[in-house]
Amino acid sequence: MLSVVMPEPRSAPEIPSKDPQSPSPSPRLVVGLVVTLAMILAFCLYTVREIRELRDEQTRINERNRVDSLQLLRIQNNLSALATQMREMADRTEPYPMKSWRQTFDRLKADLAQAIATERTLAPAERAPAQQEQLEAALDRFWSTIDRAFAEAEGNEDAAAAILRTTATVQHQELVNFVSRFLVLNDAVQREASVTNRAIYGRVEREIFILMTGLLLLVGVTGVYGIRANRRAFDDVQRLSRQLRNLSWRMMRLQEDLQESFSRELHDEFGQLLTAIGMLLGRVKRNLPAESPLIADLQEVQGIVQQTLERIRTESRLLHPVILDDFGLENALKWYVEQFGRQHGIETRFLKSGPIGVIPPDATIHIYRIVQEALTNVSRHSGSPEAWVRLRQEKDWIELEIEDRGRGLPPAAERTEGWQGIGLISMRERSELMGGAFALVPVPGGGLIVSVRVPLRSAAAAPAGTAGESGPAGAAADDREEAPIG
């Protein structure tokens, strides 16, 4: 009766599991992010409002002062024109009577009145209303004097000229002084506006600095908390990864031990039973008369027993390759490639580049299983009529490639979540557990290359509990007998 002895699993280092009551940092991170974004939004709105207020105030003051100054310059130009006309009238440089200048003075009077009325609406608030009234009163006195001079010019132009040289000139100068003072006041208002703008800029700068300081502190605190939370999360992920890796090692070790034990029991128990049956059949055949019709039947049964025994031996080697322990990875792969080609009708070739040195048992069993899994995928999924297994060793590296010329990888649009299957995951896991690299390389024109590159030092330094270690079970397997029946 077949009895499979399960090996005692090797103990893996105990790693404390994560506390299920540990609160998740996500809510606090979300709150911190929301507060930070709210602070940034408030800061931006405040900055936009302050800058808009400052811009509008600057624009208003500058535009009003500009227009007011233009009106004052207009008044100054009119006063200059009046001074020129008064001088020409008093000096009598033109051979015209004084009353001929009346139309020019009326025109300047109308323009001056319009300019003063417009300037009154634009006058800065810093100007006292009494100053405006004094200007208008002085202008009224000036025009009264001009009217009196024109009246005198009807009978005595010398008297009119005297009025223009004395009273009118003094009153004109008074008007010029008023306008000059207004221009000086506008310049002072402009300077005060600049001072006010600088004060606003300074206030905005200080408040922006305060807001930026608070924002940086908030972002810094949130960032530090996020870093600590992420570090804890990464530590948990690393710890879980170590646990999963240890579990993978244990599972693979259990799988190899189970296959090895089953292979040994299958070979020893059933092999011995079939060998004994064959020997008994041979003894019965020898005891029968030569002309007995049962001899042919016994030979047929002996052939069936022999075929069954060979099949058991083959399956036993596939479950656990004794040749891998006895003759190394190269010979084991060569044997398996031949067996695979015969069983599946796929022309499979094993190609070795350079000498293959001593490879740690931890690596050999994994590489062997990867070849098994890759060729199984070729037979099941690729539809390729041929395949190649290439093995090469370079210093401290082992490079393995399994190539086919079949369908290759499915298009990206057709790859579902589980498109890789257990086989690809197993090969990738074995490669990573050895510290190596695993890649699927599409072949131009159709096909796929399974590429594995393993550092021998990392494979030799793999954790305890890896598959493929030699022990009593392996030693027992080495002593198997494979004698033919007959």
Protein backbone atom coordinates (compact mmCIF):
# COMPACT_ATOMS: atom_id res chain seq x y z
CA MET A 1 0.00 0.00 0.00
CA LEU A 2 1.32 3.43 -0.93
CA SER A 3 1.98 5.68 2.04
CA VAL A 4 3.20 9.21 1.51
CA VAL A 5 5.15 10.56 4.43
CA MET A 6 4.76 14.31 4.74
CA PRO A 7 8.03 15.95 5.78
CA GLU A 8 8.05 18.17 8.78
CA PRO A 9 8.00 21.76 7.50
CA ARG A 10 10.92 23.91 8.44
CA SER A 11 10.16 26.68 10.85
CA ALA A 12 10.17 30.22 9.47
CA PRO A 13 11.03 33.22 11.59
CA GLU A 14 8.03 34.54 13.42
CA ILE A 15 7.09 38.03 12.30
CA PRO A 16 4.50 39.93 14.33
CA SER A 17 1.37 40.61 12.37
CA LYS A 18 -0.10 44.04 12.00
CA ASP A 19 -2.35 45.25 14.80
CA PRO A 20 -5.90 45.09 13.43
CA GLN A 21 -6.88 47.94 15.74
CA SER A 22 -4.24 50.29 14.34
CA PRO A 23 -6.07 53.33 12.95
CA SER A 24 -5.62 54.18 9.31
CA PRO A 25 -3.79 57.46 8.65
CA SER A 26 -5.88 58.13 5.54
CA PRO A 27 -8.61 60.25 7.21
CA ARG A 28 -6.05 62.48 8.88
CA LEU A 29 -4.09 62.79 5.64
CA VAL A 30 -7.28 63.73 3.80
CA VAL A 31 -8.16 66.33 6.45
CA GLY A 32 -4.64 67.75 6.27
CA LEU A 33 -4.86 67.91 2.48
CA VAL A 34 -8.25 69.64 2.60
CA VAL A 35 -7.01 72.18 5.17
CA THR A 36 -3.87 72.83 3.13
CA LEU A 37 -5.87 73.33 -0.06
CA ALA A 38 -8.31 75.61 1.79
CA MET A 39 -5.40 77.67 3.12
CA ILE A 40 -3.90 77.94 -0.35
CA LEU A 41 -7.26 78.95 -1.83
CA ALA A 42 -7.85 81.55 0.90
CA PHE A 43 -4.34 82.88 0.42
CA CYS A 44 -4.84 83.17 -3.33
CA LEU A 45 -8.23 84.92 -2.95
CA TYR A 46 -6.81 87.33 -0.37
CA THR A 47 -3.81 88.13 -2.53
CA VAL A 48 -5.98 88.71 -5.60
CA ARG A 49 -8.33 90.98 -3.62
CA GLU A 50 -5.54 93.04 -2.11
CA ILE A 51 -3.70 93.42 -5.38
CA ARG A 52 -6.93 94.36 -7.19
CA GLU A 53 -7.75 96.94 -4.50
CA LEU A 54 -4.27 98.39 -4.73
CA ARG A 55 -4.39 98.49 -8.51
CA ASP A 56 -7.81 100.18 -8.57
CA GLU A 57 -6.73 102.76 -5.98
CA GLN A 58 -3.55 103.51 -7.86
CA THR A 59 -5.38 103.78 -11.15
CA ARG A 60 -8.06 106.05 -9.73
CA ILE A 61 -5.65 108.44 -8.03
CA ASN A 62 -3.22 108.53 -10.94
CA GLU A 63 -5.95 109.08 -13.52
CA ARG A 64 -7.66 111.80 -11.52
CA ASN A 65 -4.42 113.61 -10.79
CA ARG A 66 -3.37 113.27 -14.41
CA VAL A 67 -6.61 114.78 -15.74
CA ASP A 68 -6.62 117.48 -13.07
CA SER A 69 -3.03 118.38 -13.89
CA LEU A 70 -3.94 118.55 -17.57
CA GLN A 71 -6.74 121.00 -16.77
CA LEU A 72 -4.39 123.10 -14.65
CA LEU A 73 -1.88 123.13 -17.50
CA ARG A 74 -4.73 124.21 -19.77
CA ILE A 75 -5.49 127.04 -17.40
CA GLN A 76 -1.81 127.94 -17.31
CA ASN A 77 -1.69 128.02 -21.11
CA ASN A 78 -4.73 130.31 -21.22
CA LEU A 79 -3.17 132.59 -18.63
CA SER A 80 0.06 132.66 -20.65
CA ALA A 81 -1.94 133.57 -23.78
CA LEU A 82 -3.69 136.33 -21.80
CA ALA A 83 -0.34 137.68 -20.59
CA THR A 84 0.91 137.79 -24.19
CA GLN A 85 -2.24 139.59 -25.41
CA MET A 86 -2.07 142.07 -22.53
CA ARG A 87 1.56 142.84 -23.25
CA GLU A 88 0.86 143.40 -26.96
CA MET A 89 -2.11 145.65 -26.14
CA ALA A 90 -0.15 147.68 -23.59
CA ASP A 91 2.94 148.02 -25.80
CA ARG A 92 0.82 148.72 -28.93
CA THR A 93 3.05 146.52 -31.09
CA GLU A 94 0.18 146.07 -33.55
CA PRO A 95 -1.37 149.00 -35.43
CA TYR A 96 -4.88 148.04 -34.35
CA PRO A 97 -7.21 149.69 -31.88
CA MET A 98 -7.51 148.02 -28.48
CA LYS A 99 -11.15 147.09 -29.01
CA SER A 100 -10.05 144.75 -31.82
CA TRP A 101 -8.56 142.44 -29.12
CA ARG A 102 -11.95 141.96 -27.50
CA GLN A 103 -12.86 138.83 -29.45
CA THR A 104 -9.57 137.11 -28.52
CA PHE A 105 -10.13 137.88 -24.82
CA ASP A 106 -13.72 136.61 -25.00
CA ARG A 107 -12.51 133.34 -26.50
CA LEU A 108 -9.84 132.90 -23.83
CA LYS A 109 -12.37 133.82 -21.14
CA ALA A 110 -14.79 131.11 -22.29
CA ASP A 111 -12.07 128.48 -22.52
CA LEU A 112 -10.68 129.47 -19.12
CA ALA A 113 -14.12 129.27 -17.54
CA GLN A 114 -14.68 125.80 -18.98
CA ALA A 115 -11.24 124.59 -17.81
CA ILE A 116 -11.80 125.91 -14.27
CA ALA A 117 -15.26 124.32 -14.10
CA THR A 118 -13.83 120.96 -15.20
CA GLU A 119 -10.88 121.26 -12.82
CA ARG A 120 -13.26 121.97 -9.95
CA THR A 121 -14.78 118.46 -10.37
CA LEU A 122 -11.32 116.84 -10.44
CA ALA A 123 -9.77 118.76 -7.56
CA PRO A 124 -8.20 116.40 -4.97
CA ALA A 125 -9.86 116.12 -1.60
CA GLU A 126 -6.72 117.53 0.05
CA ARG A 127 -7.36 120.94 -1.54
CA ALA A 128 -9.43 123.25 0.68
CA PRO A 129 -12.68 124.50 -0.93
CA ALA A 130 -11.67 128.07 0.08
CA GLN A 131 -8.71 127.92 -2.27
CA GLN A 132 -10.99 127.11 -5.18
CA GLU A 133 -13.27 129.98 -4.20
CA GLN A 134 -10.30 132.35 -3.96
CA LEU A 135 -9.20 131.33 -7.47
CA GLU A 136 -12.63 131.95 -8.90
CA ALA A 137 -12.95 135.27 -7.05
CA ALA A 138 -9.54 136.39 -8.30
CA LEU A 139 -10.59 135.39 -11.83
CA ASP A 140 -13.75 137.45 -11.52
CA ARG A 141 -11.73 140.46 -10.40
CA PHE A 142 -9.35 139.95 -13.30
CA TRP A 143 -12.13 139.91 -15.87
CA SER A 144 -13.72 142.97 -14.25
CA THR A 145 -10.43 144.79 -14.65
CA ILE A 146 -10.19 143.64 -18.29
CA ASP A 147 -13.73 144.87 -18.93
CA ARG A 148 -12.84 148.24 -17.39
CA ALA A 149 -9.71 148.46 -19.53
CA PHE A 150 -11.74 147.84 -22.70
CA ALA A 151 -14.23 150.47 -21.56
CA GLU A 152 -11.42 153.02 -21.05
CA ALA A 153 -9.99 152.09 -24.45
CA GLU A 154 -13.08 153.63 -26.13
CA GLY A 155 -11.88 157.16 -25.29
CA ASN A 156 -8.39 156.89 -23.85
CA GLU A 157 -6.21 153.95 -24.88
CA ASP A 158 -3.32 155.24 -22.76
CA ALA A 159 -5.44 154.87 -19.61
CA ALA A 160 -6.49 151.39 -20.73
CA ALA A 161 -2.84 150.46 -21.27
CA ALA A 162 -2.00 151.76 -17.80
CA ILE A 163 -4.74 149.54 -16.31
CA LEU A 164 -3.32 146.53 -18.17
CA ARG A 165 0.24 147.26 -16.98
CA THR A 166 -0.71 147.73 -13.33
CA THR A 167 -3.92 146.26 -11.94
CA ALA A 168 -4.53 143.62 -14.62
CA THR A 169 -0.93 142.40 -14.51
CA VAL A 170 -1.03 142.05 -10.71
CA GLN A 171 -4.31 140.18 -10.83
CA HIS A 172 -2.99 137.97 -13.64
CA GLN A 173 0.06 137.10 -11.57
CA GLU A 174 -2.23 136.23 -8.67
CA LEU A 175 -4.06 133.77 -10.92
CA VAL A 176 -0.76 132.26 -12.07
CA ASN A 177 0.28 131.82 -8.45
CA PHE A 178 -2.99 130.09 -7.63
CA VAL A 179 -2.56 127.62 -10.50
CA SER A 180 1.08 127.00 -9.58
CA ARG A 181 0.07 126.22 -6.02
CA PHE A 182 -2.58 123.83 -7.29
CA LEU A 183 0.01 122.05 -9.43
CA VAL A 184 2.35 121.81 -6.46
CA LEU A 185 -0.54 120.43 -4.38
CA ASN A 186 -1.30 117.83 -7.05
CA ASP A 187 2.35 116.78 -7.00
CA ALA A 188 2.19 116.46 -3.22
CA VAL A 189 -1.00 114.40 -3.49
CA GLN A 190 0.73 112.17 -6.01
CA ARG A 191 3.65 111.68 -3.64
CA GLU A 192 1.26 110.93 -0.78
CA ALA A 193 -0.52 108.42 -3.00
CA SER A 194 2.82 106.77 -3.72
CA VAL A 195 3.54 106.64 0.01
CA THR A 196 0.08 105.14 0.58
CA ASN A 197 0.65 102.59 -2.15
CA ARG A 198 3.99 101.62 -0.65
CA ALA A 199 2.29 101.25 2.72
CA ILE A 200 -0.36 99.01 1.15
CA TYR A 201 2.35 97.00 -0.57
CA GLY A 202 4.18 96.66 2.73
CA ARG A 203 1.01 95.57 4.51
CA VAL A 204 0.21 93.04 1.80
CA GLU A 205 3.79 91.80 1.89
CA ARG A 206 3.68 91.34 5.67
CA GLU A 207 0.33 89.59 5.55
CA ILE A 208 1.47 87.38 2.68
CA PHE A 209 4.59 86.53 4.67
CA ILE A 210 2.45 85.65 7.70
CA LEU A 211 0.12 83.55 5.56
CA MET A 212 3.04 81.87 3.84
CA THR A 213 4.66 81.12 7.19
CA GLY A 214 1.45 79.57 8.48
CA LEU A 215 0.97 77.68 5.25
CA LEU A 216 4.53 76.37 5.29
CA LEU A 217 4.12 75.29 8.90
CA LEU A 218 0.88 73.54 8.06
CA VAL A 219 2.34 71.90 4.98
CA GLY A 220 5.45 70.96 6.95
CA VAL A 221 3.44 69.36 9.74
CA THR A 222 1.20 67.58 7.22
CA GLY A 223 4.24 66.49 5.22
CA VAL A 224 6.04 65.15 8.27
CA TYR A 225 2.93 63.28 9.33
CA GLY A 226 2.47 61.97 5.79
CA ILE A 227 6.10 60.84 5.65
CA ARG A 228 5.81 59.08 8.98
CA ALA A 229 2.51 57.48 7.94
CA ASN A 230 3.98 56.41 4.60
CA ARG A 231 7.06 55.07 6.35
CA ARG A 232 4.88 53.00 8.65
CA ALA A 233 2.89 51.82 5.65
CA PHE A 234 6.07 50.91 3.77
CA ASP A 235 7.37 49.10 6.83
CA ASP A 236 4.12 47.17 7.01
CA VAL A 237 4.31 46.38 3.30
CA GLN A 238 7.92 45.23 3.64
CA ARG A 239 7.04 43.14 6.66
CA LEU A 240 4.10 41.58 4.81
CA SER A 241 6.35 41.03 1.79
CA ARG A 242 8.84 39.21 3.99
CA GLN A 243 6.03 37.13 5.40
CA LEU A 244 4.74 36.33 1.92
CA ARG A 245 8.26 35.50 0.74
CA ASN A 246 8.83 33.24 3.71
CA LEU A 247 5.46 31.66 3.02
CA SER A 248 6.45 31.16 -0.61
CA TRP A 249 9.68 29.49 0.44
CA ARG A 250 7.78 27.24 2.84
CA MET A 251 5.16 26.36 0.24
CA MET A 252 7.77 25.57 -2.39
CA ARG A 253 9.75 23.57 0.10
CA LEU A 254 6.64 21.64 1.09
CA GLN A 255 5.83 21.11 -2.58
CA GLU A 256 9.31 19.80 -3.35
CA ASP A 257 9.39 17.63 -0.24
CA LEU A 258 5.95 16.26 -1.08
CA GLN A 259 6.93 15.55 -4.67
CA GLU A 260 10.18 13.98 -3.56
CA SER A 261 8.42 11.81 -0.98
CA PHE A 262 5.72 10.83 -3.45
CA SER A 263 8.35 10.11 -6.11
CA ARG A 264 10.29 7.90 -3.70
CA GLU A 265 7.18 6.03 -2.56
CA LEU A 266 5.97 5.66 -6.13
CA HIS A 267 9.32 4.34 -7.30
CA ASP A 268 10.08 2.13 -4.33
CA GLU A 269 6.64 0.75 -3.50
CA PHE A 270 5.07 0.37 -6.92
CA GLY A 271 8.40 -0.28 -8.62
CA GLN A 272 9.14 -3.16 -6.25
CA LEU A 273 5.61 -4.52 -6.59
CA LEU A 274 5.79 -4.46 -10.38
CA THR A 275 9.27 -5.93 -10.33
CA ALA A 276 8.08 -8.75 -8.06
CA ILE A 277 5.07 -9.35 -10.35
CA GLY A 278 7.39 -9.52 -13.32
CA MET A 279 9.67 -12.01 -11.57
CA LEU A 280 6.70 -14.20 -10.57
CA LEU A 281 5.41 -14.12 -14.13
CA GLY A 282 8.86 -15.15 -15.36
CA ARG A 283 8.97 -18.03 -12.87
CA VAL A 284 5.52 -19.20 -13.93
CA LYS A 285 6.56 -19.01 -17.57
CA ARG A 286 9.65 -21.11 -16.92
CA ASN A 287 7.59 -23.79 -15.16
CA LEU A 288 5.17 -24.16 -18.05
CA PRO A 289 5.72 -26.62 -20.87
CA ALA A 290 7.28 -25.11 -23.95
CA GLU A 291 4.16 -25.87 -26.01
CA SER A 292 1.75 -24.28 -23.48
CA PRO A 293 -0.58 -21.59 -24.99
CA LEU A 294 -0.26 -19.52 -21.75
CA ILE A 295 3.32 -18.57 -22.49
CA ALA A 296 2.24 -15.97 -25.06
CA ASP A 297 -0.27 -14.51 -22.60
CA LEU A 298 2.35 -14.37 -19.86
CA GLN A 299 4.79 -12.62 -22.19
CA GLU A 300 2.12 -10.05 -23.06
CA VAL A 301 1.38 -9.46 -19.38
CA GLN A 302 5.14 -9.16 -18.68
CA GLY A 303 5.36 -6.51 -21.43
CA ILE A 304 2.48 -4.55 -19.88
CA VAL A 305 4.13 -4.74 -16.45
CA GLN A 306 7.44 -3.59 -17.94
CA GLN A 307 5.76 -0.65 -19.69
CA THR A 308 3.97 0.30 -16.49
CA LEU A 309 7.21 0.11 -14.57
CA GLU A 310 8.96 2.35 -17.12
CA ARG A 311 6.07 4.80 -16.94
CA ILE A 312 6.30 4.90 -13.15
CA ARG A 313 10.03 5.47 -13.33
CA THR A 314 9.53 8.33 -15.81
CA GLU A 315 6.82 9.96 -13.72
CA SER A 316 8.97 9.49 -10.64
CA ARG A 317 11.85 11.33 -12.31
CA LEU A 318 9.48 14.12 -13.39
CA LEU A 319 8.20 14.53 -9.85
CA HIS A 320 11.70 14.74 -8.46
CA PRO A 321 14.62 14.57 -10.88
CA VAL A 322 17.18 12.28 -9.28
CA ILE A 323 19.47 13.11 -12.16
CA LEU A 324 19.52 16.69 -10.90
CA ASP A 325 21.03 15.56 -7.62
CA ASP A 326 23.41 13.07 -9.21
CA PHE A 327 24.64 14.76 -12.38
CA GLY A 328 23.78 18.47 -12.04
CA LEU A 329 21.58 21.00 -13.76
CA GLU A 330 23.00 20.66 -17.27
CA ASN A 331 22.37 16.91 -17.58
CA ALA A 332 18.99 17.19 -15.87
CA LEU A 333 17.82 19.85 -18.34
CA LYS A 334 19.16 17.83 -21.28
CA TRP A 335 17.26 14.75 -20.11
CA TYR A 336 14.05 16.67 -19.48
CA VAL A 337 14.18 18.43 -22.85
CA GLU A 338 14.48 15.05 -24.59
CA GLN A 339 11.60 13.62 -22.56
CA PHE A 340 9.44 16.70 -23.28
CA GLY A 341 10.10 16.55 -27.01
CA ARG A 342 9.15 12.85 -27.19
CA GLN A 343 6.02 13.24 -25.07
CA HIS A 344 4.57 16.34 -26.76
CA GLY A 345 5.84 16.00 -30.32
CA ILE A 346 7.54 19.41 -30.16
CA GLU A 347 11.07 19.65 -31.54
CA THR A 348 12.89 20.90 -28.47
CA ARG A 349 16.62 21.57 -28.32
CA PHE A 350 18.88 22.25 -25.38
CA LEU A 351 21.72 24.70 -26.11
CA LYS A 352 24.55 25.35 -23.69
CA SER A 353 27.00 28.26 -24.01
CA GLY A 354 30.34 27.72 -22.34
CA PRO A 355 31.09 25.59 -19.30
CA ILE A 356 28.50 25.33 -16.54
CA GLY A 357 30.13 25.27 -13.13
CA VAL A 358 28.86 24.21 -9.76
CA ILE A 359 25.45 25.72 -9.09
CA PRO A 360 23.91 25.77 -5.59
CA PRO A 361 21.11 23.22 -5.12
CA ASP A 362 18.77 26.06 -4.13
CA ALA A 363 19.15 27.50 -7.61
CA THR A 364 19.19 24.26 -9.60
CA ILE A 365 15.79 23.06 -8.47
CA HIS A 366 14.19 26.45 -9.15
CA ILE A 367 15.77 26.75 -12.59
CA TYR A 368 14.68 23.21 -13.38
CA ARG A 369 11.09 23.96 -12.31
CA ILE A 370 11.06 27.17 -14.38
CA VAL A 371 12.08 25.17 -17.45
CA GLN A 372 9.35 22.65 -16.69
CA GLU A 373 6.71 25.36 -16.32
CA ALA A 374 7.85 27.30 -19.39
CA LEU A 375 7.83 24.22 -21.64
CA THR A 376 4.45 23.20 -20.26
CA ASN A 377 3.11 26.62 -21.31
CA VAL A 378 4.64 26.11 -24.75
CA SER A 379 2.80 22.82 -25.17
CA ARG A 380 -0.50 24.15 -23.81
CA HIS A 381 -0.78 27.68 -25.12
CA SER A 382 1.77 28.65 -27.77
CA GLY A 383 1.05 26.20 -30.56
CA SER A 384 4.72 26.34 -31.49
CA PRO A 385 6.19 23.34 -33.37
CA GLU A 386 9.62 23.90 -31.87
CA ALA A 387 11.28 25.30 -28.77
CA TRP A 388 14.78 26.09 -27.49
CA VAL A 389 16.21 25.99 -23.98
CA ARG A 390 19.44 27.98 -23.64
CA LEU A 391 21.67 27.94 -20.58
CA ARG A 392 24.72 30.09 -20.03
CA GLN A 393 26.91 30.90 -17.05
CA GLU A 394 28.92 34.10 -16.81
CA LYS A 395 31.04 34.49 -13.70
CA ASP A 396 28.49 34.77 -10.90
CA TRP A 397 25.40 34.74 -13.10
CA ILE A 398 23.25 32.04 -14.64
CA GLU A 399 21.19 33.04 -17.67
CA LEU A 400 18.30 30.92 -18.87
CA GLU A 401 16.10 31.40 -21.93
CA ILE A 402 13.15 29.34 -23.15
CA GLU A 403 12.06 30.42 -26.63
CA ASP A 404 9.17 29.36 -28.82
CA ARG A 405 7.74 30.51 -32.16
CA GLY A 406 4.08 30.35 -31.24
CA ARG A 407 1.32 32.87 -30.55
CA GLY A 408 3.32 34.96 -28.11
CA LEU A 409 1.77 37.31 -25.58
CA PRO A 410 -1.85 38.38 -26.05
CA PRO A 411 -2.40 42.00 -27.17
CA ALA A 412 -2.50 44.57 -24.38
CA ALA A 413 -6.19 45.25 -24.99
CA GLU A 414 -7.03 41.56 -24.45
CA ARG A 415 -5.08 41.11 -21.23
CA THR A 416 -7.48 40.69 -18.36
CA GLU A 417 -6.58 40.87 -14.70
CA GLY A 418 -5.61 37.19 -14.47
CA TRP A 419 -4.10 36.76 -17.92
CA GLN A 420 -0.71 35.69 -16.55
CA GLY A 421 -1.95 32.54 -14.89
CA ILE A 422 -0.36 30.51 -12.12
CA GLY A 423 2.53 29.33 -14.31
CA LEU A 424 3.94 32.79 -15.07
CA ILE A 425 3.40 33.88 -11.49
CA SER A 426 5.25 30.80 -10.23
CA MET A 427 8.19 31.40 -12.57
CA ARG A 428 8.39 35.05 -11.60
CA GLU A 429 8.16 34.18 -7.91
CA ARG A 430 10.93 31.59 -8.16
CA SER A 431 13.16 34.07 -9.99
CA GLU A 432 12.58 36.80 -7.41
CA LEU A 433 13.09 34.40 -4.52
CA MET A 434 16.54 33.62 -5.94
CA GLY A 435 17.25 37.36 -6.21
CA GLY A 436 17.11 37.19 -10.00
CA ALA A 437 15.28 38.94 -12.81
CA PHE A 438 12.38 37.53 -14.81
CA ALA A 439 11.21 38.90 -18.16
CA LEU A 440 8.90 37.99 -21.02
CA VAL A 441 10.41 39.13 -24.33
CA PRO A 442 8.22 39.03 -27.46
CA VAL A 443 9.90 37.60 -30.55
CA PRO A 444 9.50 39.62 -33.76
CA GLY A 445 7.25 37.70 -36.09
CA GLY A 446 5.57 35.74 -33.32
CA GLY A 447 6.78 33.84 -30.31
CA LEU A 448 8.04 34.48 -26.82
CA ILE A 449 11.26 34.25 -24.82
CA VAL A 450 11.10 33.52 -21.11
CA SER A 451 14.28 35.09 -19.75
CA VAL A 452 15.69 34.43 -16.28
CA ARG A 453 18.93 35.85 -14.94
CA VAL A 454 19.98 34.69 -11.49
CA PRO A 455 22.96 35.78 -9.40
CA LEU A 456 24.55 32.68 -7.91
CA ARG A 457 25.59 34.44 -4.72
CA SER A 458 22.02 35.52 -4.00
CA ALA A 459 20.75 32.04 -4.78
CA ALA A 460 23.37 30.49 -2.48
CA ALA A 461 22.42 32.92 0.29
CA ALA A 462 18.67 32.17 0.04
CA PRO A 463 16.78 31.79 3.34
CA ALA A 464 16.57 28.48 5.07
CA GLY A 465 13.74 26.30 4.00
CA THR A 466 14.33 26.51 0.27
CA ALA A 467 13.51 23.69 -1.98
CA GLY A 468 16.06 21.30 -3.31
CA GLU A 469 18.22 20.73 -0.22
CA SER A 470 19.83 17.35 0.05
CA GLY A 471 18.86 15.17 2.97
CA PRO A 472 17.81 11.69 3.93
CA ALA A 473 15.04 11.69 1.37
CA GLY A 474 17.44 12.59 -1.38
CA ALA A 475 19.93 10.00 -0.24
CA ALA A 476 17.25 7.36 -0.29
CA ALA A 477 16.29 8.40 -3.81
CA ASP A 478 19.89 8.01 -4.95
CA ASP A 479 19.84 4.30 -4.03
CA ARG A 480 16.89 3.41 -6.26
CA GLU A 481 17.22 0.39 -8.51
CA GLU A 482 15.95 0.45 -12.04
CA ALA A 483 16.40 -3.17 -13.11
CA PRO A 484 14.34 -4.46 -16.05
CA ILE A 485 11.70 -7.15 -15.51
CA GLY A 486 12.29 -10.50 -16.99
